[in-house]
Amino acid sequence: MPESDHQSEKLPETFEEAMAELESIVRELEASRMPLGDLVDHYERGTSLLDYCRGELAVARLRVETISLAAAPDAIAAAESTVDERAVEEAGSRSGTKKQARKGASGNSRVKEQDEENGRLL
């Protein structure tokens, strides 16, 4: 493939198309004996496709991280709520100690245990 033809080739429309073409190029390079100029042209096209695929993967990774971060506050609040409920249940089920659920500065419930006999905090 002449260099001018290679440089004018556009990248595929999708990641999947780019991967399929890249895999095809790799198979050709591994299976055949072609002239050096063709090898270099195929290699150049393969590196262009690889760069494109890496870029698409980076974009997808950022989207997933953004989605995860957006969902994180809800997931954290739900987990904290579950932990707080369990702590209050455990506090109420113990005998011989007095439990108090108190709102902390961060808005999370915290359980304080106070030994009734000597008044010290545990």
PDB file of N, CA and C in Angstrom:
ATOM      1  N   MET A   1       0.853  -1.175   0.000  1.00  0.00           N
ATOM      2  CA  MET A   1       0.000   0.000   0.000  1.00  0.00           C
ATOM      3  C   MET A   1       0.893   1.229   0.000  1.00  0.00           C
ATOM      4  N   PRO A   2       0.762   2.122  -0.971  1.00  0.00           N
ATOM      5  CA  PRO A   2       1.593   3.323  -1.030  1.00  0.00           C
ATOM      6  C   PRO A   2       1.349   4.212   0.178  1.00  0.00           C
ATOM      7  N   GLU A   3       2.384   4.939   0.550  1.00  0.00           N
ATOM      8  CA  GLU A   3       2.308   5.772   1.747  1.00  0.00           C
ATOM      9  C   GLU A   3       1.194   6.806   1.649  1.00  0.00           C
ATOM     10  N   SER A   4       0.978   7.390   0.485  1.00  0.00           N
ATOM     11  CA  SER A   4      -0.070   8.405   0.337  1.00  0.00           C
ATOM     12  C   SER A   4      -1.450   7.802   0.569  1.00  0.00           C
ATOM     13  N   ASP A   5      -1.669   6.546   0.114  1.00  0.00           N
ATOM     14  CA  ASP A   5      -2.945   5.874   0.362  1.00  0.00           C
ATOM     15  C   ASP A   5      -3.122   5.602   1.848  1.00  0.00           C
ATOM     16  N   HIS A   6      -2.045   5.195   2.492  1.00  0.00           N
ATOM     17  CA  HIS A   6      -2.127   4.860   3.912  1.00  0.00           C
ATOM     18  C   HIS A   6      -2.466   6.089   4.755  1.00  0.00           C
ATOM     19  N   GLN A   7      -1.845   7.196   4.452  1.00  0.00           N
ATOM     20  CA  GLN A   7      -2.078   8.403   5.247  1.00  0.00           C
ATOM     21  C   GLN A   7      -3.482   8.951   5.046  1.00  0.00           C
ATOM     22  N   SER A   8      -4.090   8.656   3.902  1.00  0.00           N
ATOM     23  CA  SER A   8      -5.428   9.177   3.653  1.00  0.00           C
ATOM     24  C   SER A   8      -6.524   8.300   4.256  1.00  0.00           C
ATOM     25  N   GLU A   9      -6.158   7.091   4.746  1.00  0.00           N
ATOM     26  CA  GLU A   9      -7.165   6.207   5.355  1.00  0.00           C
ATOM     27  C   GLU A   9      -7.693   6.832   6.631  1.00  0.00           C
ATOM     28  N   LYS A  10      -8.998   6.766   6.770  1.00  0.00           N
ATOM     29  CA  LYS A  10      -9.627   7.297   7.971  1.00  0.00           C
ATOM     30  C   LYS A  10      -9.719   6.204   9.018  1.00  0.00           C
ATOM     31  N   LEU A  11      -9.843   6.644  10.255  1.00  0.00           N
ATOM     32  CA  LEU A  11     -10.028   5.681  11.336  1.00  0.00           C
ATOM     33  C   LEU A  11     -11.456   5.150  11.293  1.00  0.00           C
ATOM     34  N   PRO A  12     -11.650   3.942  11.765  1.00  0.00           N
ATOM     35  CA  PRO A  12     -12.999   3.367  11.791  1.00  0.00           C
ATOM     36  C   PRO A  12     -13.949   4.211  12.644  1.00  0.00           C
ATOM     37  N   GLU A  13     -15.233   3.961  12.448  1.00  0.00           N
ATOM     38  CA  GLU A  13     -16.276   4.689  13.183  1.00  0.00           C
ATOM     39  C   GLU A  13     -16.364   4.263  14.651  1.00  0.00           C
ATOM     40  N   THR A  14     -16.071   2.991  14.931  1.00  0.00           N
ATOM     41  CA  THR A  14     -16.254   2.482  16.289  1.00  0.00           C
ATOM     42  C   THR A  14     -14.996   1.780  16.799  1.00  0.00           C
ATOM     43  N   PHE A  15     -14.940   1.629  18.103  1.00  0.00           N
ATOM     44  CA  PHE A  15     -13.854   0.901  18.758  1.00  0.00           C
ATOM     45  C   PHE A  15     -13.795  -0.534  18.242  1.00  0.00           C
ATOM     46  N   GLU A  16     -14.957  -1.163  18.118  1.00  0.00           N
ATOM     47  CA  GLU A  16     -15.009  -2.559  17.677  1.00  0.00           C
ATOM     48  C   GLU A  16     -14.461  -2.730  16.261  1.00  0.00           C
ATOM     49  N   GLU A  17     -14.787  -1.796  15.374  1.00  0.00           N
ATOM     50  CA  GLU A  17     -14.256  -1.848  14.010  1.00  0.00           C
ATOM     51  C   GLU A  17     -12.734  -1.680  14.015  1.00  0.00           C
ATOM     52  N   ALA A  18     -12.250  -0.769  14.837  1.00  0.00           N
ATOM     53  CA  ALA A  18     -10.804  -0.544  14.926  1.00  0.00           C
ATOM     54  C   ALA A  18     -10.097  -1.788  15.450  1.00  0.00           C
ATOM     55  N   MET A  19     -10.678  -2.413  16.464  1.00  0.00           N
ATOM     56  CA  MET A  19     -10.074  -3.635  17.018  1.00  0.00           C
ATOM     57  C   MET A  19     -10.055  -4.754  15.984  1.00  0.00           C
ATOM     58  N   ALA A  20     -11.138  -4.895  15.236  1.00  0.00           N
ATOM     59  CA  ALA A  20     -11.200  -5.944  14.218  1.00  0.00           C
ATOM     60  C   ALA A  20     -10.131  -5.713  13.152  1.00  0.00           C
ATOM     61  N   GLU A  21      -9.962  -4.473  12.713  1.00  0.00           N
ATOM     62  CA  GLU A  21      -8.942  -4.177  11.708  1.00  0.00           C
ATOM     63  C   GLU A  21      -7.544  -4.389  12.277  1.00  0.00           C
ATOM     64  N   LEU A  22      -7.342  -3.997  13.506  1.00  0.00           N
ATOM     65  CA  LEU A  22      -6.042  -4.181  14.155  1.00  0.00           C
ATOM     66  C   LEU A  22      -5.699  -5.667  14.273  1.00  0.00           C
ATOM     67  N   GLU A  23      -6.674  -6.476  14.676  1.00  0.00           N
ATOM     68  CA  GLU A  23      -6.453  -7.923  14.762  1.00  0.00           C
ATOM     69  C   GLU A  23      -6.126  -8.511  13.395  1.00  0.00           C
ATOM     70  N   SER A  24      -6.782  -8.015  12.360  1.00  0.00           N
ATOM     71  CA  SER A  24      -6.520  -8.475  11.000  1.00  0.00           C
ATOM     72  C   SER A  24      -5.087  -8.136  10.580  1.00  0.00           C
ATOM     73  N   ILE A  25      -4.655  -6.934  10.894  1.00  0.00           N
ATOM     74  CA  ILE A  25      -3.293  -6.515  10.562  1.00  0.00           C
ATOM     75  C   ILE A  25      -2.275  -7.395  11.286  1.00  0.00           C
ATOM     76  N   VAL A  26      -2.521  -7.663  12.550  1.00  0.00           N
ATOM     77  CA  VAL A  26      -1.603  -8.506  13.325  1.00  0.00           C
ATOM     78  C   VAL A  26      -1.525  -9.899  12.711  1.00  0.00           C
ATOM     79  N   ARG A  27      -2.674 -10.466  12.344  1.00  0.00           N
ATOM     80  CA  ARG A  27      -2.673 -11.795  11.704  1.00  0.00           C
ATOM     81  C   ARG A  27      -1.871 -11.781  10.403  1.00  0.00           C
ATOM     82  N   GLU A  28      -2.067 -10.732   9.600  1.00  0.00           N
ATOM     83  CA  GLU A  28      -1.328 -10.625   8.336  1.00  0.00           C
ATOM     84  C   GLU A  28       0.175 -10.523   8.576  1.00  0.00           C
ATOM     85  N   LEU A  29       0.550  -9.713   9.536  1.00  0.00           N
ATOM     86  CA  LEU A  29       1.970  -9.537   9.827  1.00  0.00           C
ATOM     87  C   LEU A  29       2.598 -10.833  10.337  1.00  0.00           C
ATOM     88  N   GLU A  30       1.857 -11.584  11.121  1.00  0.00           N
ATOM     89  CA  GLU A  30       2.382 -12.833  11.672  1.00  0.00           C
ATOM     90  C   GLU A  30       2.410 -13.962  10.644  1.00  0.00           C
ATOM     91  N   ALA A  31       1.461 -13.972   9.705  1.00  0.00           N
ATOM     92  CA  ALA A  31       1.284 -15.113   8.809  1.00  0.00           C
ATOM     93  C   ALA A  31       1.976 -14.981   7.451  1.00  0.00           C
ATOM     94  N   SER A  32       2.302 -13.790   7.029  1.00  0.00           N
ATOM     95  CA  SER A  32       2.794 -13.672   5.666  1.00  0.00           C
ATOM     96  C   SER A  32       4.178 -13.046   5.599  1.00  0.00           C
ATOM     97  N   ARG A  33       4.755 -13.277   4.439  1.00  0.00           N
ATOM     98  CA  ARG A  33       6.029 -12.626   4.123  1.00  0.00           C
ATOM     99  C   ARG A  33       5.698 -11.574   3.075  1.00  0.00           C
ATOM    100  N   MET A  34       5.743 -10.348   3.485  1.00  0.00           N
ATOM    101  CA  MET A  34       5.424  -9.268   2.555  1.00  0.00           C
ATOM    102  C   MET A  34       6.644  -8.362   2.421  1.00  0.00           C
ATOM    103  N   PRO A  35       6.666  -7.570   1.394  1.00  0.00           N
ATOM    104  CA  PRO A  35       7.787  -6.644   1.201  1.00  0.00           C
ATOM    105  C   PRO A  35       7.910  -5.686   2.397  1.00  0.00           C
ATOM    106  N   LEU A  36       9.118  -5.244   2.637  1.00  0.00           N
ATOM    107  CA  LEU A  36       9.405  -4.374   3.773  1.00  0.00           C
ATOM    108  C   LEU A  36       8.523  -3.128   3.775  1.00  0.00           C
ATOM    109  N   GLY A  37       8.327  -2.529   2.641  1.00  0.00           N
ATOM    110  CA  GLY A  37       7.486  -1.327   2.567  1.00  0.00           C
ATOM    111  C   GLY A  37       6.066  -1.593   3.034  1.00  0.00           C
ATOM    112  N   ASP A  38       5.516  -2.760   2.643  1.00  0.00           N
ATOM    113  CA  ASP A  38       4.165  -3.123   3.085  1.00  0.00           C
ATOM    114  C   ASP A  38       4.133  -3.395   4.591  1.00  0.00           C
ATOM    115  N   LEU A  39       5.191  -4.041   5.080  1.00  0.00           N
ATOM    116  CA  LEU A  39       5.269  -4.293   6.530  1.00  0.00           C
ATOM    117  C   LEU A  39       5.225  -2.981   7.307  1.00  0.00           C
ATOM    118  N   VAL A  40       6.005  -2.027   6.856  1.00  0.00           N
ATOM    119  CA  VAL A  40       6.052  -0.729   7.543  1.00  0.00           C
ATOM    120  C   VAL A  40       4.699  -0.021   7.444  1.00  0.00           C
ATOM    121  N   ASP A  41       4.073  -0.085   6.266  1.00  0.00           N
ATOM    122  CA  ASP A  41       2.752   0.527   6.104  1.00  0.00           C
ATOM    123  C   ASP A  41       1.726  -0.118   7.032  1.00  0.00           C
ATOM    124  N   HIS A  42       1.735  -1.431   7.108  1.00  0.00           N
ATOM    125  CA  HIS A  42       0.809  -2.138   8.012  1.00  0.00           C
ATOM    126  C   HIS A  42       1.096  -1.775   9.470  1.00  0.00           C
ATOM    127  N   TYR A  43       2.359  -1.729   9.804  1.00  0.00           N
ATOM    128  CA  TYR A  43       2.741  -1.371  11.172  1.00  0.00           C
ATOM    129  C   TYR A  43       2.265   0.046  11.509  1.00  0.00           C
ATOM    130  N   GLU A  44       2.443   0.962  10.581  1.00  0.00           N
ATOM    131  CA  GLU A  44       2.009   2.340  10.802  1.00  0.00           C
ATOM    132  C   GLU A  44       0.492   2.411  10.996  1.00  0.00           C
ATOM    133  N   ARG A  45      -0.245   1.712  10.161  1.00  0.00           N
ATOM    134  CA  ARG A  45      -1.707   1.687  10.294  1.00  0.00           C
ATOM    135  C   ARG A  45      -2.095   1.060  11.634  1.00  0.00           C
ATOM    136  N   GLY A  46      -1.405  -0.001  11.997  1.00  0.00           N
ATOM    137  CA  GLY A  46      -1.684  -0.651  13.278  1.00  0.00           C
ATOM    138  C   GLY A  46      -1.451   0.266  14.466  1.00  0.00           C
ATOM    139  N   THR A  47      -0.375   1.059  14.423  1.00  0.00           N
ATOM    140  CA  THR A  47      -0.128   1.985  15.535  1.00  0.00           C
ATOM    141  C   THR A  47      -1.190   3.080  15.590  1.00  0.00           C
ATOM    142  N   SER A  48      -1.667   3.525  14.413  1.00  0.00           N
ATOM    143  CA  SER A  48      -2.755   4.522  14.395  1.00  0.00           C
ATOM    144  C   SER A  48      -4.024   3.942  15.012  1.00  0.00           C
ATOM    145  N   LEU A  49      -4.328   2.701  14.649  1.00  0.00           N
ATOM    146  CA  LEU A  49      -5.513   2.041  15.215  1.00  0.00           C
ATOM    147  C   LEU A  49      -5.347   1.820  16.718  1.00  0.00           C
ATOM    148  N   LEU A  50      -4.159   1.441  17.133  1.00  0.00           N
ATOM    149  CA  LEU A  50      -3.904   1.225  18.550  1.00  0.00           C
ATOM    150  C   LEU A  50      -4.088   2.515  19.344  1.00  0.00           C
ATOM    151  N   ASP A  51      -3.556   3.611  18.826  1.00  0.00           N
ATOM    152  CA  ASP A  51      -3.736   4.913  19.491  1.00  0.00           C
ATOM    153  C   ASP A  51      -5.219   5.279  19.595  1.00  0.00           C
ATOM    154  N   TYR A  52      -5.953   5.037  18.513  1.00  0.00           N
ATOM    155  CA  TYR A  52      -7.388   5.315  18.510  1.00  0.00           C
ATOM    156  C   TYR A  52      -8.096   4.476  19.591  1.00  0.00           C
ATOM    157  N   CYS A  53      -7.782   3.190  19.635  1.00  0.00           N
ATOM    158  CA  CYS A  53      -8.411   2.296  20.623  1.00  0.00           C
ATOM    159  C   CYS A  53      -8.074   2.718  22.047  1.00  0.00           C
ATOM    160  N   ARG A  54      -6.826   3.061  22.281  1.00  0.00           N
ATOM    161  CA  ARG A  54      -6.429   3.524  23.624  1.00  0.00           C
ATOM    162  C   ARG A  54      -7.198   4.784  24.014  1.00  0.00           C
ATOM    163  N   GLY A  55      -7.374   5.700  23.068  1.00  0.00           N
ATOM    164  CA  GLY A  55      -8.148   6.912  23.335  1.00  0.00           C
ATOM    165  C   GLY A  55      -9.599   6.603  23.672  1.00  0.00           C
ATOM    166  N   GLU A  56     -10.191   5.683  22.910  1.00  0.00           N
ATOM    167  CA  GLU A  56     -11.582   5.290  23.173  1.00  0.00           C
ATOM    168  C   GLU A  56     -11.711   4.629  24.550  1.00  0.00           C
ATOM    169  N   LEU A  57     -10.741   3.805  24.910  1.00  0.00           N
ATOM    170  CA  LEU A  57     -10.757   3.165  26.228  1.00  0.00           C
ATOM    171  C   LEU A  57     -10.611   4.198  27.348  1.00  0.00           C
ATOM    172  N   ALA A  58      -9.758   5.187  27.140  1.00  0.00           N
ATOM    173  CA  ALA A  58      -9.586   6.242  28.139  1.00  0.00           C
ATOM    174  C   ALA A  58     -10.887   7.013  28.352  1.00  0.00           C
ATOM    175  N   VAL A  59     -11.576   7.323  27.259  1.00  0.00           N
ATOM    176  CA  VAL A  59     -12.858   8.024  27.360  1.00  0.00           C
ATOM    177  C   VAL A  59     -13.877   7.165  28.109  1.00  0.00           C
ATOM    178  N   ALA A  60     -13.936   5.888  27.771  1.00  0.00           N
ATOM    179  CA  ALA A  60     -14.875   4.981  28.440  1.00  0.00           C
ATOM    180  C   ALA A  60     -14.547   4.867  29.926  1.00  0.00           C
ATOM    181  N   ARG A  61     -13.269   4.775  30.256  1.00  0.00           N
ATOM    182  CA  ARG A  61     -12.851   4.676  31.662  1.00  0.00           C
ATOM    183  C   ARG A  61     -13.272   5.923  32.432  1.00  0.00           C
ATOM    184  N   LEU A  62     -13.084   7.096  31.836  1.00  0.00           N
ATOM    185  CA  LEU A  62     -13.497   8.342  32.499  1.00  0.00           C
ATOM    186  C   LEU A  62     -15.005   8.390  32.710  1.00  0.00           C
ATOM    187  N   ARG A  63     -15.752   7.918  31.735  1.00  0.00           N
ATOM    188  CA  ARG A  63     -17.219   7.889  31.881  1.00  0.00           C
ATOM    189  C   ARG A  63     -17.629   6.980  33.037  1.00  0.00           C
ATOM    190  N   VAL A  64     -17.004   5.798  33.126  1.00  0.00           N
ATOM    191  CA  VAL A  64     -17.326   4.858  34.207  1.00  0.00           C
ATOM    192  C   VAL A  64     -16.957   5.470  35.554  1.00  0.00           C
ATOM    193  N   GLU A  65     -15.794   6.105  35.646  1.00  0.00           N
ATOM    194  CA  GLU A  65     -15.395   6.743  36.905  1.00  0.00           C
ATOM    195  C   GLU A  65     -16.350   7.865  37.288  1.00  0.00           C
ATOM    196  N   THR A  66     -16.791   8.640  36.307  1.00  0.00           N
ATOM    197  CA  THR A  66     -17.738   9.723  36.571  1.00  0.00           C
ATOM    198  C   THR A  66     -19.061   9.165  37.085  1.00  0.00           C
ATOM    199  N   ILE A  67     -19.528   8.111  36.451  1.00  0.00           N
ATOM    200  CA  ILE A  67     -20.778   7.473  36.892  1.00  0.00           C
ATOM    201  C   ILE A  67     -20.624   6.927  38.306  1.00  0.00           C
ATOM    202  N   SER A  68     -19.495   6.292  38.572  1.00  0.00           N
ATOM    203  CA  SER A  68     -19.249   5.720  39.903  1.00  0.00           C
ATOM    204  C   SER A  68     -19.183   6.803  40.964  1.00  0.00           C
ATOM    205  N   LEU A  69     -18.505   7.905  40.655  1.00  0.00           N
ATOM    206  CA  LEU A  69     -18.406   9.001  41.624  1.00  0.00           C
ATOM    207  C   LEU A  69     -19.756   9.657  41.869  1.00  0.00           C
ATOM    208  N   ALA A  70     -20.560   9.761  40.824  1.00  0.00           N
ATOM    209  CA  ALA A  70     -21.889  10.355  40.990  1.00  0.00           C
ATOM    210  C   ALA A  70     -22.771   9.480  41.868  1.00  0.00           C
ATOM    211  N   ALA A  71     -22.599   8.171  41.782  1.00  0.00           N
ATOM    212  CA  ALA A  71     -23.400   7.251  42.573  1.00  0.00           C
ATOM    213  C   ALA A  71     -22.833   7.070  43.976  1.00  0.00           C
ATOM    214  N   ALA A  72     -21.589   7.432  44.186  1.00  0.00           N
ATOM    215  CA  ALA A  72     -20.912   7.194  45.465  1.00  0.00           C
ATOM    216  C   ALA A  72     -21.608   7.834  46.660  1.00  0.00           C
ATOM    217  N   PRO A  73     -22.044   9.099  46.605  1.00  0.00           N
ATOM    218  CA  PRO A  73     -22.683   9.674  47.793  1.00  0.00           C
ATOM    219  C   PRO A  73     -23.910   8.880  48.240  1.00  0.00           C
ATOM    220  N   ASP A  74     -24.718   8.426  47.302  1.00  0.00           N
ATOM    221  CA  ASP A  74     -25.900   7.641  47.652  1.00  0.00           C
ATOM    222  C   ASP A  74     -25.499   6.306  48.272  1.00  0.00           C
ATOM    223  N   ALA A  75     -24.491   5.661  47.695  1.00  0.00           N
ATOM    224  CA  ALA A  75     -24.039   4.371  48.212  1.00  0.00           C
ATOM    225  C   ALA A  75     -23.429   4.533  49.596  1.00  0.00           C
ATOM    226  N   ILE A  76     -22.656   5.588  49.804  1.00  0.00           N
ATOM    227  CA  ILE A  76     -22.033   5.833  51.108  1.00  0.00           C
ATOM    228  C   ILE A  76     -23.110   6.117  52.146  1.00  0.00           C
ATOM    229  N   ALA A  77     -24.088   6.945  51.809  1.00  0.00           N
ATOM    230  CA  ALA A  77     -25.164   7.268  52.748  1.00  0.00           C
ATOM    231  C   ALA A  77     -25.947   6.014  53.126  1.00  0.00           C
ATOM    232  N   ALA A  78     -26.231   5.155  52.149  1.00  0.00           N
ATOM    233  CA  ALA A  78     -26.959   3.916  52.431  1.00  0.00           C
ATOM    234  C   ALA A  78     -26.146   3.002  53.336  1.00  0.00           C
ATOM    235  N   ALA A  79     -24.846   2.892  53.080  1.00  0.00           N
ATOM    236  CA  ALA A  79     -23.983   2.042  53.910  1.00  0.00           C
ATOM    237  C   ALA A  79     -23.888   2.593  55.327  1.00  0.00           C
ATOM    238  N   GLU A  80     -23.728   3.912  55.453  1.00  0.00           N
ATOM    239  CA  GLU A  80     -23.654   4.518  56.784  1.00  0.00           C
ATOM    240  C   GLU A  80     -24.952   4.314  57.545  1.00  0.00           C
ATOM    241  N   SER A  81     -26.075   4.445  56.873  1.00  0.00           N
ATOM    242  CA  SER A  81     -27.370   4.253  57.505  1.00  0.00           C
ATOM    243  C   SER A  81     -27.503   2.832  58.043  1.00  0.00           C
ATOM    244  N   THR A  82     -27.080   1.854  57.244  1.00  0.00           N
ATOM    245  CA  THR A  82     -27.138   0.456  57.665  1.00  0.00           C
ATOM    246  C   THR A  82     -26.240   0.220  58.869  1.00  0.00           C
ATOM    247  N   VAL A  83     -25.027   0.776  58.831  1.00  0.00           N
ATOM    248  CA  VAL A  83     -24.084   0.617  59.945  1.00  0.00           C
ATOM    249  C   VAL A  83     -24.653   1.270  61.192  1.00  0.00           C
ATOM    250  N   ASP A  84     -25.219   2.477  61.058  1.00  0.00           N
ATOM    251  CA  ASP A  84     -25.789   3.176  62.200  1.00  0.00           C
ATOM    252  C   ASP A  84     -26.948   2.395  62.814  1.00  0.00           C
ATOM    253  N   GLU A  85     -27.829   1.834  61.987  1.00  0.00           N
ATOM    254  CA  GLU A  85     -28.962   1.049  62.487  1.00  0.00           C
ATOM    255  C   GLU A  85     -28.471  -0.174  63.259  1.00  0.00           C
ATOM    256  N   ARG A  86     -27.464  -0.851  62.727  1.00  0.00           N
ATOM    257  CA  ARG A  86     -26.915  -2.022  63.412  1.00  0.00           C
ATOM    258  C   ARG A  86     -26.302  -1.644  64.758  1.00  0.00           C
ATOM    259  N   ALA A  87     -25.594  -0.522  64.773  1.00  0.00           N
ATOM    260  CA  ALA A  87     -24.964  -0.088  66.017  1.00  0.00           C
ATOM    261  C   ALA A  87     -26.015   0.219  67.076  1.00  0.00           C
ATOM    262  N   VAL A  88     -27.089   0.868  66.678  1.00  0.00           N
ATOM    263  CA  VAL A  88     -28.158   1.191  67.625  1.00  0.00           C
ATOM    264  C   VAL A  88     -28.820  -0.095  68.121  1.00  0.00           C
ATOM    265  N   GLU A  89     -29.060  -1.058  67.219  1.00  0.00           N
ATOM    266  CA  GLU A  89     -29.647  -2.341  67.622  1.00  0.00           C
ATOM    267  C   GLU A  89     -28.742  -3.079  68.595  1.00  0.00           C
ATOM    268  N   GLU A  90     -27.442  -3.100  68.297  1.00  0.00           N
ATOM    269  CA  GLU A  90     -26.501  -3.764  69.186  1.00  0.00           C
ATOM    270  C   GLU A  90     -26.453  -3.068  70.538  1.00  0.00           C
ATOM    271  N   ALA A  91     -26.485  -1.743  70.511  1.00  0.00           N
ATOM    272  CA  ALA A  91     -26.430  -0.978  71.746  1.00  0.00           C
ATOM    273  C   ALA A  91     -27.645  -1.276  72.624  1.00  0.00           C
ATOM    274  N   GLY A  92     -28.796  -1.427  72.004  1.00  0.00           N
ATOM    275  CA  GLY A  92     -30.007  -1.704  72.759  1.00  0.00           C
ATOM    276  C   GLY A  92     -30.074  -3.121  73.291  1.00  0.00           C
ATOM    277  N   SER A  93     -29.339  -4.034  72.686  1.00  0.00           N
ATOM    278  CA  SER A  93     -29.429  -5.433  73.097  1.00  0.00           C
ATOM    279  C   SER A  93     -28.432  -5.812  74.191  1.00  0.00           C
ATOM    280  N   ARG A  94     -27.485  -4.973  74.485  1.00  0.00           N
ATOM    281  CA  ARG A  94     -26.494  -5.295  75.525  1.00  0.00           C
ATOM    282  C   ARG A  94     -27.076  -4.986  76.901  1.00  0.00           C
ATOM    283  N   SER A  95     -26.691  -5.770  77.861  1.00  0.00           N
ATOM    284  CA  SER A  95     -27.184  -5.517  79.224  1.00  0.00           C
ATOM    285  C   SER A  95     -26.048  -4.998  80.095  1.00  0.00           C
ATOM    286  N   GLY A  96     -26.409  -4.237  81.133  1.00  0.00           N
ATOM    287  CA  GLY A  96     -25.432  -3.728  82.083  1.00  0.00           C
ATOM    288  C   GLY A  96     -24.777  -2.425  81.651  1.00  0.00           C
ATOM    289  N   THR A  97     -25.103  -1.921  80.505  1.00  0.00           N
ATOM    290  CA  THR A  97     -24.524  -0.650  80.061  1.00  0.00           C
ATOM    291  C   THR A  97     -25.622   0.232  79.510  1.00  0.00           C
ATOM    292  N   LYS A  98     -25.393   1.515  79.524  1.00  0.00           N
ATOM    293  CA  LYS A  98     -26.340   2.489  78.993  1.00  0.00           C
ATOM    294  C   LYS A  98     -25.792   2.981  77.653  1.00  0.00           C
ATOM    295  N   LYS A  99     -26.614   2.951  76.599  1.00  0.00           N
ATOM    296  CA  LYS A  99     -26.206   3.369  75.266  1.00  0.00           C
ATOM    297  C   LYS A  99     -26.916   4.654  74.891  1.00  0.00           C
ATOM    298  N   GLN A 100     -26.217   5.499  74.168  1.00  0.00           N
ATOM    299  CA  GLN A 100     -26.823   6.723  73.659  1.00  0.00           C
ATOM    300  C   GLN A 100     -26.425   6.875  72.197  1.00  0.00           C
ATOM    301  N   ALA A 101     -27.406   7.072  71.330  1.00  0.00           N
ATOM    302  CA  ALA A 101     -27.117   7.375  69.931  1.00  0.00           C
ATOM    303  C   ALA A 101     -27.068   8.885  69.802  1.00  0.00           C
ATOM    304  N   ARG A 102     -26.002   9.406  69.306  1.00  0.00           N
ATOM    305  CA  ARG A 102     -25.811  10.843  69.217  1.00  0.00           C
ATOM    306  C   ARG A 102     -25.408  11.211  67.795  1.00  0.00           C
ATOM    307  N   LYS A 103     -25.975  12.278  67.277  1.00  0.00           N
ATOM    308  CA  LYS A 103     -25.600  12.757  65.951  1.00  0.00           C
ATOM    309  C   LYS A 103     -24.233  13.420  66.056  1.00  0.00           C
ATOM    310  N   GLY A 104     -23.303  12.998  65.159  1.00  0.00           N
ATOM    311  CA  GLY A 104     -21.975  13.603  65.098  1.00  0.00           C
ATOM    312  C   GLY A 104     -21.988  14.823  64.205  1.00  0.00           C
ATOM    313  N   ALA A 105     -20.872  15.510  64.156  1.00  0.00           N
ATOM    314  CA  ALA A 105     -20.756  16.719  63.336  1.00  0.00           C
ATOM    315  C   ALA A 105     -20.965  16.419  61.863  1.00  0.00           C
ATOM    316  N   SER A 106     -20.617  15.201  61.439  1.00  0.00           N
ATOM    317  CA  SER A 106     -20.768  14.857  60.026  1.00  0.00           C
ATOM    318  C   SER A 106     -22.176  14.407  59.691  1.00  0.00           C
ATOM    319  N   GLY A 107     -23.040  14.313  60.685  1.00  0.00           N
ATOM    320  CA  GLY A 107     -24.405  13.890  60.409  1.00  0.00           C
ATOM    321  C   GLY A 107     -24.596  12.399  60.583  1.00  0.00           C
ATOM    322  N   ASN A 108     -23.557  11.667  60.964  1.00  0.00           N
ATOM    323  CA  ASN A 108     -23.656  10.228  61.172  1.00  0.00           C
ATOM    324  C   ASN A 108     -24.006   9.957  62.625  1.00  0.00           C
ATOM    325  N   SER A 109     -24.851   8.941  62.865  1.00  0.00           N
ATOM    326  CA  SER A 109     -25.161   8.550  64.232  1.00  0.00           C
ATOM    327  C   SER A 109     -23.973   7.795  64.788  1.00  0.00           C
ATOM    328  N   ARG A 110     -23.641   8.077  66.027  1.00  0.00           N
ATOM    329  CA  ARG A 110     -22.549   7.364  66.668  1.00  0.00           C
ATOM    330  C   ARG A 110     -23.050   6.849  68.000  1.00  0.00           C
ATOM    331  N   VAL A 111     -22.599   5.683  68.348  1.00  0.00           N
ATOM    332  CA  VAL A 111     -23.046   5.080  69.594  1.00  0.00           C
ATOM    333  C   VAL A 111     -21.973   5.258  70.641  1.00  0.00           C
ATOM    334  N   LYS A 112     -22.354   5.816  71.758  1.00  0.00           N
ATOM    335  CA  LYS A 112     -21.444   5.971  72.888  1.00  0.00           C
ATOM    336  C   LYS A 112     -21.893   5.021  73.982  1.00  0.00           C
ATOM    337  N   GLU A 113     -20.967   4.322  74.524  1.00  0.00           N
ATOM    338  CA  GLU A 113     -21.284   3.409  75.616  1.00  0.00           C
ATOM    339  C   GLU A 113     -20.739   3.993  76.918  1.00  0.00           C
ATOM    340  N   GLN A 114     -21.554   3.967  77.911  1.00  0.00           N
ATOM    341  CA  GLN A 114     -21.119   4.479  79.195  1.00  0.00           C
ATOM    342  C   GLN A 114     -21.365   3.398  80.234  1.00  0.00           C
ATOM    343  N   ASP A 115     -20.324   3.033  80.944  1.00  0.00           N
ATOM    344  CA  ASP A 115     -20.435   2.039  82.000  1.00  0.00           C
ATOM    345  C   ASP A 115     -21.204   2.681  83.149  1.00  0.00           C
ATOM    346  N   GLU A 116     -22.339   2.126  83.504  1.00  0.00           N
ATOM    347  CA  GLU A 116     -23.195   2.708  84.538  1.00  0.00           C
ATOM    348  C   GLU A 116     -22.547   2.643  85.911  1.00  0.00           C
ATOM    349  N   GLU A 117     -21.698   1.664  86.148  1.00  0.00           N
ATOM    350  CA  GLU A 117     -21.116   1.504  87.474  1.00  0.00           C
ATOM    351  C   GLU A 117     -20.071   2.575  87.801  1.00  0.00           C
ATOM    352  N   ASN A 118     -19.199   2.892  86.843  1.00  0.00           N
ATOM    353  CA  ASN A 118     -18.146   3.837  87.176  1.00  0.00           C
ATOM    354  C   ASN A 118     -18.189   5.129  86.334  1.00  0.00           C
ATOM    355  N   GLY A 119     -19.157   5.260  85.414  1.00  0.00           N
ATOM    356  CA  GLY A 119     -19.350   6.493  84.671  1.00  0.00           C
ATOM    357  C   GLY A 119     -18.267   6.793  83.634  1.00  0.00           C
ATOM    358  N   ARG A 120     -17.456   5.832  83.290  1.00  0.00           N
ATOM    359  CA  ARG A 120     -16.414   6.108  82.292  1.00  0.00           C
ATOM    360  C   ARG A 120     -16.884   5.705  80.903  1.00  0.00           C
ATOM    361  N   LEU A 121     -16.328   6.368  79.896  1.00  0.00           N
ATOM    362  CA  LEU A 121     -16.671   6.073  78.502  1.00  0.00           C
ATOM    363  C   LEU A 121     -15.852   4.885  78.028  1.00  0.00           C
ATOM    364  N   LEU A 122     -16.498   4.002  77.273  1.00  0.00           N
ATOM    365  CA  LEU A 122     -15.800   2.859  76.682  1.00  0.00           C
ATOM    366  C   LEU A 122     -15.438   3.146  75.262  1.00  0.00           C
TER     367      LEU A 122
END
